Protein backbone atom coordinates (compact mmCIF):
# COMPACT_ATOMS: atom_id res chain seq x y z
CA MET A 1 2.09 -159.49 86.38
CA ASP A 2 -0.11 -162.36 85.26
CA ASN A 3 -1.90 -165.28 86.86
CA ALA A 4 1.37 -167.20 87.28
CA VAL A 5 3.19 -164.38 89.08
CA ALA A 6 2.00 -163.13 92.43
CA PRO A 7 3.73 -160.14 94.04
CA ARG A 8 5.10 -160.58 97.53
CA SER A 9 3.92 -157.91 99.91
CA ASP A 10 7.29 -157.72 101.67
CA ILE A 11 9.27 -156.96 98.50
CA GLY A 12 8.91 -153.74 96.56
CA HIS A 13 8.91 -153.83 92.79
CA SER A 14 12.09 -152.38 91.32
CA ALA A 15 12.29 -153.66 87.78
CA VAL A 16 10.11 -154.82 84.94
CA VAL A 17 11.11 -158.09 83.30
CA GLN A 18 9.46 -159.20 80.09
CA PHE A 19 10.04 -162.70 78.79
CA LEU A 20 8.21 -163.83 75.70
CA CYS A 21 9.02 -167.41 74.80
CA SER A 22 9.53 -168.44 71.22
CA ARG A 23 6.57 -169.98 69.47
CA ARG A 24 5.49 -171.74 66.31
CA PHE A 25 2.52 -170.48 64.35
CA GLN A 26 0.88 -170.90 60.97
CA ASP A 27 0.52 -168.08 58.45
CA ASP A 28 0.06 -167.74 54.66
CA GLU A 29 3.66 -168.90 54.07
CA GLY A 30 3.36 -172.02 56.24
CA GLU A 31 4.67 -172.71 59.71
CA VAL A 32 6.89 -169.96 61.15
CA PHE A 33 9.14 -169.93 64.22
CA GLU A 34 8.98 -166.63 66.11
CA ALA A 35 11.94 -165.58 68.24
CA GLY A 36 11.45 -165.07 71.94
CA ARG A 37 12.30 -161.83 73.71
CA LEU A 38 13.85 -160.91 77.01
CA ALA A 39 13.76 -157.32 78.22
CA VAL A 40 14.57 -155.83 81.61
CA ARG A 41 13.95 -152.23 82.63
CA TRP A 42 14.24 -150.04 85.68
CA PHE A 43 14.95 -146.41 86.43
CA GLU A 44 18.16 -145.82 88.35
CA GLN A 45 16.80 -142.63 89.93
CA GLN A 46 13.89 -144.59 91.43
CA VAL A 47 15.84 -147.56 92.79
CA GLY A 48 18.98 -145.84 94.07
CA PRO A 49 22.63 -146.78 93.46
CA GLU A 50 22.75 -149.96 95.59
CA ARG A 51 19.64 -151.56 94.09
CA HIS A 52 20.74 -150.39 90.63
CA GLN A 53 24.02 -152.29 91.12
CA LEU A 54 22.14 -155.41 92.29
CA LEU A 55 19.72 -155.28 89.35
CA THR A 56 22.63 -154.80 86.94
CA GLU A 57 24.40 -157.87 88.36
CA GLU A 58 21.24 -159.98 88.25
CA THR A 59 20.49 -158.91 84.68
CA THR A 60 24.05 -159.82 83.68
CA LEU A 61 23.50 -163.32 85.09
CA VAL A 62 20.24 -163.72 83.17
CA TRP A 63 21.89 -162.70 79.89
CA LYS A 64 24.86 -164.97 80.63
CA ALA A 65 22.50 -167.92 81.09
CA LEU A 66 20.67 -167.05 77.87
CA ARG A 67 23.95 -166.87 75.94
CA ALA A 68 25.08 -170.19 77.47
CA ALA A 69 21.88 -171.91 76.34
CA THR A 70 21.97 -170.53 72.78
CA ARG A 71 24.44 -169.80 70.00
CA PRO A 72 24.68 -167.09 67.38
CA ALA A 73 22.27 -167.66 64.51
CA ILE A 74 23.44 -166.82 61.02
CA VAL A 75 20.18 -165.48 59.61
CA GLU A 76 19.25 -163.87 56.28
CA SER A 77 16.20 -162.07 55.02
CA THR A 78 14.42 -163.49 51.98
CA GLN A 79 16.35 -160.88 49.93
CA GLY A 80 19.68 -162.34 51.14
CA ARG A 81 20.56 -159.58 53.64
CA ARG A 82 22.32 -160.85 56.78
CA ILE A 83 20.59 -160.08 60.08
CA SER A 84 22.88 -159.81 63.08
CA GLY A 85 22.35 -160.22 66.80
CA MET A 86 20.08 -163.25 66.74
CA ARG A 87 20.66 -166.39 68.78
CA ILE A 88 19.10 -169.85 68.66
CA GLY A 89 19.05 -172.86 70.97
CA PRO A 90 20.03 -176.32 69.76
CA VAL A 91 16.50 -177.77 69.78
CA ALA A 92 15.08 -174.79 67.89
CA HIS A 93 18.00 -174.98 65.45
CA ASP A 94 17.32 -178.65 64.76
CA LEU A 95 13.59 -178.00 64.32
CA VAL A 96 14.11 -175.10 61.91
CA THR A 97 16.81 -176.82 59.84
CA SER A 98 14.99 -180.17 59.59
CA SER A 99 11.70 -178.56 58.55
CA ARG A 100 13.18 -175.59 56.64
CA MET A 101 10.81 -173.45 58.69
CA LEU A 102 10.99 -169.68 58.24
CA LEU A 103 11.87 -167.43 61.17
CA THR A 104 10.52 -164.10 62.35
CA ARG A 105 11.30 -161.58 65.06
CA GLY A 106 7.64 -160.57 64.95
CA GLY A 107 5.92 -158.63 62.24
CA VAL A 108 5.82 -159.57 58.58
CA GLN A 109 9.53 -160.02 57.81
CA ARG A 110 10.49 -163.65 57.22
CA LEU A 111 14.02 -164.92 57.71
CA HIS A 112 15.87 -168.19 57.28
CA LEU A 113 18.98 -169.77 58.75
CA ALA A 114 21.81 -169.16 56.30
CA ALA A 115 24.34 -171.60 57.73
CA ALA A 116 25.03 -173.67 60.79
CA PRO A 117 26.90 -171.65 63.40
CA PRO A 118 30.15 -173.10 64.69
CA THR A 119 29.52 -175.65 67.44
CA GLY A 120 32.34 -174.08 69.46
CA GLN A 121 29.92 -171.25 70.23
CA MET A 122 27.88 -173.51 72.52
CA ARG A 123 28.82 -173.22 76.19
CA ASP A 124 28.13 -175.95 78.72
CA ARG A 125 28.39 -173.83 81.84
CA LEU A 126 27.72 -170.33 83.08
């Protein structure tokens, strides 16, 4: 909950959704682009099988939309080790490649884009 989200009294709370948008910030190494984060959590025992199924389906749609709006990012640590599982949107990709900005998933580790991912990975629809 925050100031932008008001609970409705007629709907119980079943799941926790955390969305942290990506952001740019300045540190000792210059400007850095921090990855966003999406996390969803609930306890099946508390919501029951029907609501669990609904939450699973809704979460699948959210992840599908996220994958449609982004593409796999080929990322390496400063030591040259490949980091898997990261994705990047086209605007963020253009920003990072044009400025040679470092990336982070949070914390002190700095990463960089190693190569442009294949454009065939972009999807135009859900």
